[in-house]
Amino acid sequence: NPNQSLSYQYHFKRSETWIIVSGKGTVTLEGKDFSVKGGDVINILPEQRHRVRTSDDVLIFIEVQRGSYFGEDDIVRIEDSYGRC
């Protein structure tokens, strides 16, 4: 949804690839911000801190997870707009 974000987080046991399908936003990776748009691909390694924020557009992306474990207890949230830290 417009002007929303995922938590700033990292994982120990999985990597992720985000494929931006449509819309515009900002990806934060290890404290650095990058503008993204449809067609962009972001690769996130284990223990890399990451987040995606939308702009005024709806941002649609596909998240592909790879690794040995995908449980919710492998999410370390650093910042979260929804009180899950």
PDB file of N, CA and C in Angstrom:
ATOM      1  N   ASN A   1       0.836  -1.191   0.000  1.00  0.00           N
ATOM      2  CA  ASN A   1       0.000   0.000   0.000  1.00  0.00           C
ATOM      3  C   ASN A   1       0.880   1.253   0.000  1.00  0.00           C
ATOM      4  N   PRO A   2       0.378   2.365  -0.501  1.00  0.00           N
ATOM      5  CA  PRO A   2       1.167   3.589  -0.540  1.00  0.00           C
ATOM      6  C   PRO A   2       1.658   4.022   0.844  1.00  0.00           C
ATOM      7  N   ASN A   3       2.887   4.524   0.879  1.00  0.00           N
ATOM      8  CA  ASN A   3       3.502   5.095   2.081  1.00  0.00           C
ATOM      9  C   ASN A   3       3.568   4.124   3.264  1.00  0.00           C
ATOM     10  N   GLN A   4       3.815   2.861   3.001  1.00  0.00           N
ATOM     11  CA  GLN A   4       3.971   1.837   4.031  1.00  0.00           C
ATOM     12  C   GLN A   4       5.358   1.222   3.929  1.00  0.00           C
ATOM     13  N   SER A   5       5.755   0.460   4.942  1.00  0.00           N
ATOM     14  CA  SER A   5       7.058  -0.210   4.895  1.00  0.00           C
ATOM     15  C   SER A   5       7.021  -1.526   5.651  1.00  0.00           C
ATOM     16  N   LEU A   6       7.909  -2.413   5.248  1.00  0.00           N
ATOM     17  CA  LEU A   6       8.160  -3.618   6.025  1.00  0.00           C
ATOM     18  C   LEU A   6       9.078  -3.240   7.174  1.00  0.00           C
ATOM     19  N   SER A   7       9.211  -4.120   8.151  1.00  0.00           N
ATOM     20  CA  SER A   7      10.136  -3.846   9.241  1.00  0.00           C
ATOM     21  C   SER A   7      11.574  -3.892   8.718  1.00  0.00           C
ATOM     22  N   TYR A   8      12.454  -3.128   9.372  1.00  0.00           N
ATOM     23  CA  TYR A   8      13.882  -3.189   9.088  1.00  0.00           C
ATOM     24  C   TYR A   8      14.381  -4.394   9.863  1.00  0.00           C
ATOM     25  N   GLN A   9      14.877  -5.398   9.155  1.00  0.00           N
ATOM     26  CA  GLN A   9      15.107  -6.708   9.769  1.00  0.00           C
ATOM     27  C   GLN A   9      16.248  -7.449   9.093  1.00  0.00           C
ATOM     28  N   TYR A  10      16.602  -8.593   9.679  1.00  0.00           N
ATOM     29  CA  TYR A  10      17.536  -9.513   9.043  1.00  0.00           C
ATOM     30  C   TYR A  10      17.217 -10.928   9.493  1.00  0.00           C
ATOM     31  N   HIS A  11      17.835 -11.888   8.814  1.00  0.00           N
ATOM     32  CA  HIS A  11      17.630 -13.316   9.084  1.00  0.00           C
ATOM     33  C   HIS A  11      19.001 -13.993   9.167  1.00  0.00           C
ATOM     34  N   PHE A  12      19.087 -15.048   9.935  1.00  0.00           N
ATOM     35  CA  PHE A  12      20.324 -15.822  10.022  1.00  0.00           C
ATOM     36  C   PHE A  12      20.369 -16.976   9.025  1.00  0.00           C
ATOM     37  N   LYS A  13      19.218 -17.587   8.744  1.00  0.00           N
ATOM     38  CA  LYS A  13      19.209 -18.858   8.022  1.00  0.00           C
ATOM     39  C   LYS A  13      18.576 -18.797   6.640  1.00  0.00           C
ATOM     40  N   ARG A  14      18.338 -17.606   6.116  1.00  0.00           N
ATOM     41  CA  ARG A  14      17.754 -17.511   4.774  1.00  0.00           C
ATOM     42  C   ARG A  14      18.277 -16.283   4.045  1.00  0.00           C
ATOM     43  N   SER A  15      18.277 -16.396   2.746  1.00  0.00           N
ATOM     44  CA  SER A  15      18.511 -15.244   1.882  1.00  0.00           C
ATOM     45  C   SER A  15      17.205 -14.975   1.147  1.00  0.00           C
ATOM     46  N   GLU A  16      17.087 -13.789   0.573  1.00  0.00           N
ATOM     47  CA  GLU A  16      15.868 -13.423  -0.134  1.00  0.00           C
ATOM     48  C   GLU A  16      16.228 -12.730  -1.434  1.00  0.00           C
ATOM     49  N   THR A  17      15.377 -12.894  -2.416  1.00  0.00           N
ATOM     50  CA  THR A  17      15.422 -12.119  -3.643  1.00  0.00           C
ATOM     51  C   THR A  17      14.081 -11.444  -3.796  1.00  0.00           C
ATOM     52  N   TRP A  18      14.097 -10.143  -3.986  1.00  0.00           N
ATOM     53  CA  TRP A  18      12.876  -9.377  -4.220  1.00  0.00           C
ATOM     54  C   TRP A  18      12.844  -8.973  -5.683  1.00  0.00           C
ATOM     55  N   ILE A  19      11.780  -9.308  -6.367  1.00  0.00           N
ATOM     56  CA  ILE A  19      11.577  -8.942  -7.764  1.00  0.00           C
ATOM     57  C   ILE A  19      10.468  -7.899  -7.777  1.00  0.00           C
ATOM     58  N   ILE A  20      10.805  -6.678  -8.145  1.00  0.00           N
ATOM     59  CA  ILE A  20       9.828  -5.601  -8.157  1.00  0.00           C
ATOM     60  C   ILE A  20       8.995  -5.747  -9.428  1.00  0.00           C
ATOM     61  N   VAL A  21       7.701  -5.955  -9.258  1.00  0.00           N
ATOM     62  CA  VAL A  21       6.788  -6.163 -10.387  1.00  0.00           C
ATOM     63  C   VAL A  21       6.278  -4.827 -10.912  1.00  0.00           C
ATOM     64  N   SER A  22       5.815  -3.965 -10.012  1.00  0.00           N
ATOM     65  CA  SER A  22       5.305  -2.662 -10.432  1.00  0.00           C
ATOM     66  C   SER A  22       5.340  -1.687  -9.262  1.00  0.00           C
ATOM     67  N   GLY A  23       5.239  -0.406  -9.584  1.00  0.00           N
ATOM     68  CA  GLY A  23       5.270   0.636  -8.577  1.00  0.00           C
ATOM     69  C   GLY A  23       6.679   1.138  -8.346  1.00  0.00           C
ATOM     70  N   LYS A  24       6.797   2.040  -7.382  1.00  0.00           N
ATOM     71  CA  LYS A  24       8.087   2.629  -7.018  1.00  0.00           C
ATOM     72  C   LYS A  24       8.233   2.594  -5.502  1.00  0.00           C
ATOM     73  N   GLY A  25       9.474   2.556  -5.055  1.00  0.00           N
ATOM     74  CA  GLY A  25       9.722   2.562  -3.626  1.00  0.00           C
ATOM     75  C   GLY A  25      11.188   2.722  -3.333  1.00  0.00           C
ATOM     76  N   THR A  26      11.537   2.454  -2.076  1.00  0.00           N
ATOM     77  CA  THR A  26      12.915   2.560  -1.605  1.00  0.00           C
ATOM     78  C   THR A  26      13.262   1.290  -0.842  1.00  0.00           C
ATOM     79  N   VAL A  27      14.382   0.694  -1.200  1.00  0.00           N
ATOM     80  CA  VAL A  27      14.911  -0.443  -0.453  1.00  0.00           C
ATOM     81  C   VAL A  27      16.070   0.067   0.387  1.00  0.00           C
ATOM     82  N   THR A  28      16.053  -0.278   1.671  1.00  0.00           N
ATOM     83  CA  THR A  28      17.188  -0.005   2.550  1.00  0.00           C
ATOM     84  C   THR A  28      17.930  -1.315   2.731  1.00  0.00           C
ATOM     85  N   LEU A  29      19.208  -1.317   2.398  1.00  0.00           N
ATOM     86  CA  LEU A  29      20.045  -2.503   2.525  1.00  0.00           C
ATOM     87  C   LEU A  29      21.314  -2.086   3.251  1.00  0.00           C
ATOM     88  N   GLU A  30      21.475  -2.599   4.478  1.00  0.00           N
ATOM     89  CA  GLU A  30      22.634  -2.261   5.312  1.00  0.00           C
ATOM     90  C   GLU A  30      22.765  -0.752   5.502  1.00  0.00           C
ATOM     91  N   GLY A  31      21.630  -0.086   5.714  1.00  0.00           N
ATOM     92  CA  GLY A  31      21.643   1.333   6.028  1.00  0.00           C
ATOM     93  C   GLY A  31      21.700   2.265   4.829  1.00  0.00           C
ATOM     94  N   LYS A  32      21.809   1.724   3.619  1.00  0.00           N
ATOM     95  CA  LYS A  32      21.860   2.549   2.413  1.00  0.00           C
ATOM     96  C   LYS A  32      20.540   2.420   1.658  1.00  0.00           C
ATOM     97  N   ASP A  33      20.015   3.555   1.191  1.00  0.00           N
ATOM     98  CA  ASP A  33      18.744   3.574   0.481  1.00  0.00           C
ATOM     99  C   ASP A  33      18.960   3.533  -1.027  1.00  0.00           C
ATOM    100  N   PHE A  34      18.103   2.756  -1.716  1.00  0.00           N
ATOM    101  CA  PHE A  34      18.133   2.621  -3.165  1.00  0.00           C
ATOM    102  C   PHE A  34      16.709   2.759  -3.699  1.00  0.00           C
ATOM    103  N   SER A  35      16.523   3.586  -4.715  1.00  0.00           N
ATOM    104  CA  SER A  35      15.221   3.686  -5.358  1.00  0.00           C
ATOM    105  C   SER A  35      15.000   2.442  -6.212  1.00  0.00           C
ATOM    106  N   VAL A  36      13.767   1.913  -6.183  1.00  0.00           N
ATOM    107  CA  VAL A  36      13.430   0.739  -6.989  1.00  0.00           C
ATOM    108  C   VAL A  36      12.149   1.005  -7.765  1.00  0.00           C
ATOM    109  N   LYS A  37      12.009   0.252  -8.872  1.00  0.00           N
ATOM    110  CA  LYS A  37      10.821   0.352  -9.716  1.00  0.00           C
ATOM    111  C   LYS A  37      10.612  -1.005 -10.376  1.00  0.00           C
ATOM    112  N   GLY A  38       9.497  -1.136 -11.084  1.00  0.00           N
ATOM    113  CA  GLY A  38       9.194  -2.385 -11.762  1.00  0.00           C
ATOM    114  C   GLY A  38      10.356  -2.872 -12.615  1.00  0.00           C
ATOM    115  N   GLY A  39      10.686  -4.161 -12.488  1.00  0.00           N
ATOM    116  CA  GLY A  39      11.780  -4.771 -13.228  1.00  0.00           C
ATOM    117  C   GLY A  39      13.058  -4.906 -12.437  1.00  0.00           C
ATOM    118  N   ASP A  40      13.196  -4.181 -11.329  1.00  0.00           N
ATOM    119  CA  ASP A  40      14.404  -4.280 -10.514  1.00  0.00           C
ATOM    120  C   ASP A  40      14.410  -5.570  -9.698  1.00  0.00           C
ATOM    121  N   VAL A  41      15.607  -6.073  -9.422  1.00  0.00           N
ATOM    122  CA  VAL A  41      15.791  -7.288  -8.613  1.00  0.00           C
ATOM    123  C   VAL A  41      16.795  -6.965  -7.511  1.00  0.00           C
ATOM    124  N   ILE A  42      16.443  -7.321  -6.282  1.00  0.00           N
ATOM    125  CA  ILE A  42      17.304  -7.071  -5.122  1.00  0.00           C
ATOM    126  C   ILE A  42      17.628  -8.407  -4.478  1.00  0.00           C
ATOM    127  N   ASN A  43      18.917  -8.682  -4.286  1.00  0.00           N
ATOM    128  CA  ASN A  43      19.353  -9.907  -3.620  1.00  0.00           C
ATOM    129  C   ASN A  43      19.816  -9.561  -2.214  1.00  0.00           C
ATOM    130  N   ILE A  44      19.300 -10.279  -1.234  1.00  0.00           N
ATOM    131  CA  ILE A  44      19.580 -10.018   0.173  1.00  0.00           C
ATOM    132  C   ILE A  44      20.204 -11.278   0.770  1.00  0.00           C
ATOM    133  N   LEU A  45      21.395 -11.135   1.303  1.00  0.00           N
ATOM    134  CA  LEU A  45      22.111 -12.262   1.900  1.00  0.00           C
ATOM    135  C   LEU A  45      21.719 -12.436   3.362  1.00  0.00           C
ATOM    136  N   PRO A  46      21.953 -13.621   3.941  1.00  0.00           N
ATOM    137  CA  PRO A  46      21.715 -13.791   5.369  1.00  0.00           C
ATOM    138  C   PRO A  46      22.470 -12.723   6.170  1.00  0.00           C
ATOM    139  N   GLU A  47      21.824 -12.220   7.204  1.00  0.00           N
ATOM    140  CA  GLU A  47      22.344 -11.219   8.132  1.00  0.00           C
ATOM    141  C   GLU A  47      22.452  -9.811   7.544  1.00  0.00           C
ATOM    142  N   GLN A  48      22.027  -9.611   6.297  1.00  0.00           N
ATOM    143  CA  GLN A  48      21.971  -8.249   5.764  1.00  0.00           C
ATOM    144  C   GLN A  48      20.683  -7.593   6.231  1.00  0.00           C
ATOM    145  N   ARG A  49      20.814  -6.429   6.810  1.00  0.00           N
ATOM    146  CA  ARG A  49      19.637  -5.685   7.272  1.00  0.00           C
ATOM    147  C   ARG A  49      18.936  -5.098   6.058  1.00  0.00           C
ATOM    148  N   HIS A  50      17.595  -5.237   6.031  1.00  0.00           N
ATOM    149  CA  HIS A  50      16.856  -4.830   4.843  1.00  0.00           C
ATOM    150  C   HIS A  50      15.430  -4.399   5.174  1.00  0.00           C
ATOM    151  N   ARG A  51      14.901  -3.577   4.258  1.00  0.00           N
ATOM    152  CA  ARG A  51      13.518  -3.099   4.370  1.00  0.00           C
ATOM    153  C   ARG A  51      13.117  -2.564   2.995  1.00  0.00           C
ATOM    154  N   VAL A  52      11.822  -2.588   2.716  1.00  0.00           N
ATOM    155  CA  VAL A  52      11.291  -1.919   1.527  1.00  0.00           C
ATOM    156  C   VAL A  52      10.186  -0.970   1.981  1.00  0.00           C
ATOM    157  N   ARG A  53      10.184   0.233   1.392  1.00  0.00           N
ATOM    158  CA  ARG A  53       9.159   1.235   1.663  1.00  0.00           C
ATOM    159  C   ARG A  53       8.543   1.641   0.335  1.00  0.00           C
ATOM    160  N   THR A  54       7.255   1.883   0.348  1.00  0.00           N
ATOM    161  CA  THR A  54       6.584   2.333  -0.862  1.00  0.00           C
ATOM    162  C   THR A  54       6.619   3.848  -0.950  1.00  0.00           C
ATOM    163  N   SER A  55       6.367   4.338  -2.152  1.00  0.00           N
ATOM    164  CA  SER A  55       6.192   5.778  -2.344  1.00  0.00           C
ATOM    165  C   SER A  55       4.684   6.043  -2.311  1.00  0.00           C
ATOM    166  N   ASP A  56       4.246   6.957  -3.117  1.00  0.00           N
ATOM    167  CA  ASP A  56       2.810   7.236  -3.204  1.00  0.00           C
ATOM    168  C   ASP A  56       2.072   6.183  -4.020  1.00  0.00           C
ATOM    169  N   ASP A  57       2.815   5.256  -4.629  1.00  0.00           N
ATOM    170  CA  ASP A  57       2.242   4.195  -5.455  1.00  0.00           C
ATOM    171  C   ASP A  57       2.046   2.921  -4.637  1.00  0.00           C
ATOM    172  N   VAL A  58       1.253   2.027  -5.182  1.00  0.00           N
ATOM    173  CA  VAL A  58       1.217   0.653  -4.677  1.00  0.00           C
ATOM    174  C   VAL A  58       2.451  -0.036  -5.242  1.00  0.00           C
ATOM    175  N   LEU A  59       3.196  -0.709  -4.402  1.00  0.00           N
ATOM    176  CA  LEU A  59       4.391  -1.437  -4.819  1.00  0.00           C
ATOM    177  C   LEU A  59       4.078  -2.925  -4.756  1.00  0.00           C
ATOM    178  N   ILE A  60       4.265  -3.603  -5.863  1.00  0.00           N
ATOM    179  CA  ILE A  60       4.045  -5.051  -5.903  1.00  0.00           C
ATOM    180  C   ILE A  60       5.389  -5.707  -6.162  1.00  0.00           C
ATOM    181  N   PHE A  61       5.742  -6.660  -5.290  1.00  0.00           N
ATOM    182  CA  PHE A  61       6.986  -7.392  -5.498  1.00  0.00           C
ATOM    183  C   PHE A  61       6.810  -8.842  -5.086  1.00  0.00           C
ATOM    184  N   ILE A  62       7.654  -9.682  -5.641  1.00  0.00           N
ATOM    185  CA  ILE A  62       7.687 -11.108  -5.325  1.00  0.00           C
ATOM    186  C   ILE A  62       8.911 -11.350  -4.457  1.00  0.00           C
ATOM    187  N   GLU A  63       8.710 -12.068  -3.354  1.00  0.00           N
ATOM    188  CA  GLU A  63       9.831 -12.408  -2.478  1.00  0.00           C
ATOM    189  C   GLU A  63      10.098 -13.900  -2.598  1.00  0.00           C
ATOM    190  N   VAL A  64      11.332 -14.238  -2.950  1.00  0.00           N
ATOM    191  CA  VAL A  64      11.764 -15.637  -3.026  1.00  0.00           C
ATOM    192  C   VAL A  64      12.751 -15.862  -1.892  1.00  0.00           C
ATOM    193  N   GLN A  65      12.454 -16.841  -1.035  1.00  0.00           N
ATOM    194  CA  GLN A  65      13.328 -17.149   0.096  1.00  0.00           C
ATOM    195  C   GLN A  65      14.072 -18.446  -0.175  1.00  0.00           C
ATOM    196  N   ARG A  66      15.379 -18.449   0.161  1.00  0.00           N
ATOM    197  CA  ARG A  66      16.194 -19.648   0.035  1.00  0.00           C
ATOM    198  C   ARG A  66      16.971 -19.839   1.329  1.00  0.00           C
ATOM    199  N   GLY A  67      17.077 -21.080   1.765  1.00  0.00           N
ATOM    200  CA  GLY A  67      17.841 -21.336   2.980  1.00  0.00           C
ATOM    201  C   GLY A  67      17.440 -22.624   3.642  1.00  0.00           C
ATOM    202  N   SER A  68      17.903 -22.785   4.872  1.00  0.00           N
ATOM    203  CA  SER A  68      17.669 -24.025   5.606  1.00  0.00           C
ATOM    204  C   SER A  68      16.502 -23.936   6.577  1.00  0.00           C
ATOM    205  N   TYR A  69      15.978 -22.712   6.820  1.00  0.00           N
ATOM    206  CA  TYR A  69      14.914 -22.562   7.809  1.00  0.00           C
ATOM    207  C   TYR A  69      14.160 -21.268   7.516  1.00  0.00           C
ATOM    208  N   PHE A  70      12.820 -21.326   7.614  1.00  0.00           N
ATOM    209  CA  PHE A  70      11.986 -20.187   7.246  1.00  0.00           C
ATOM    210  C   PHE A  70      11.009 -19.778   8.344  1.00  0.00           C
ATOM    211  N   GLY A  71      11.253 -20.186   9.574  1.00  0.00           N
ATOM    212  CA  GLY A  71      10.355 -19.876  10.683  1.00  0.00           C
ATOM    213  C   GLY A  71      10.375 -18.405  11.059  1.00  0.00           C
ATOM    214  N   GLU A  72       9.277 -17.954  11.649  1.00  0.00           N
ATOM    215  CA  GLU A  72       9.148 -16.564  12.089  1.00  0.00           C
ATOM    216  C   GLU A  72      10.197 -16.198  13.140  1.00  0.00           C
ATOM    217  N   ASP A  73      10.709 -17.193  13.887  1.00  0.00           N
ATOM    218  CA  ASP A  73      11.704 -16.893  14.911  1.00  0.00           C
ATOM    219  C   ASP A  73      13.094 -16.633  14.331  1.00  0.00           C
ATOM    220  N   ASP A  74      13.231 -16.680  13.003  1.00  0.00           N
ATOM    221  CA  ASP A  74      14.482 -16.311  12.349  1.00  0.00           C
ATOM    222  C   ASP A  74      14.423 -14.868  11.835  1.00  0.00           C
ATOM    223  N   ILE A  75      13.406 -14.126  12.211  1.00  0.00           N
ATOM    224  CA  ILE A  75      13.299 -12.714  11.849  1.00  0.00           C
ATOM    225  C   ILE A  75      13.756 -11.885  13.050  1.00  0.00           C
ATOM    226  N   VAL A  76      14.797 -11.098  12.842  1.00  0.00           N
ATOM    227  CA  VAL A  76      15.277 -10.178  13.873  1.00  0.00           C
ATOM    228  C   VAL A  76      14.871  -8.787  13.415  1.00  0.00           C
ATOM    229  N   ARG A  77      13.873  -8.208  14.095  1.00  0.00           N
ATOM    230  CA  ARG A  77      13.371  -6.885  13.722  1.00  0.00           C
ATOM    231  C   ARG A  77      14.134  -5.801  14.470  1.00  0.00           C
ATOM    232  N   ILE A  78      14.641  -4.834  13.724  1.00  0.00           N
ATOM    233  CA  ILE A  78      15.384  -3.718  14.298  1.00  0.00           C
ATOM    234  C   ILE A  78      14.442  -2.539  14.509  1.00  0.00           C
ATOM    235  N   GLU A  79      13.610  -2.259  13.497  1.00  0.00           N
ATOM    236  CA  GLU A  79      12.582  -1.215  13.563  1.00  0.00           C
ATOM    237  C   GLU A  79      11.311  -1.782  12.951  1.00  0.00           C
ATOM    238  N   ASP A  80      10.182  -1.397  13.514  1.00  0.00           N
ATOM    239  CA  ASP A  80       8.916  -1.904  12.993  1.00  0.00           C
ATOM    240  C   ASP A  80       7.797  -0.922  13.286  1.00  0.00           C
ATOM    241  N   SER A  81       7.066  -0.529  12.267  1.00  0.00           N
ATOM    242  CA  SER A  81       5.960   0.419  12.404  1.00  0.00           C
ATOM    243  C   SER A  81       4.735  -0.194  13.073  1.00  0.00           C
ATOM    244  N   TYR A  82       4.732  -1.517  13.226  1.00  0.00           N
ATOM    245  CA  TYR A  82       3.542  -2.216  13.709  1.00  0.00           C
ATOM    246  C   TYR A  82       3.720  -2.809  15.107  1.00  0.00           C
ATOM    247  N   GLY A  83       4.774  -2.393  15.821  1.00  0.00           N
ATOM    248  CA  GLY A  83       4.972  -2.814  17.206  1.00  0.00           C
ATOM    249  C   GLY A  83       5.393  -4.247  17.399  1.00  0.00           C
ATOM    250  N   ARG A  84       6.082  -4.852  16.418  1.00  0.00           N
ATOM    251  CA  ARG A  84       6.485  -6.246  16.549  1.00  0.00           C
ATOM    252  C   ARG A  84       7.932  -6.415  17.010  1.00  0.00           C
ATOM    253  N   CYS A  85       8.614  -5.346  17.374  1.00  0.00           N
ATOM    254  CA  CYS A  85      10.010  -5.458  17.860  1.00  0.00           C
ATOM    255  C   CYS A  85      10.041  -5.967  19.273  1.00  0.00           C
TER     256      CYS A  85
END
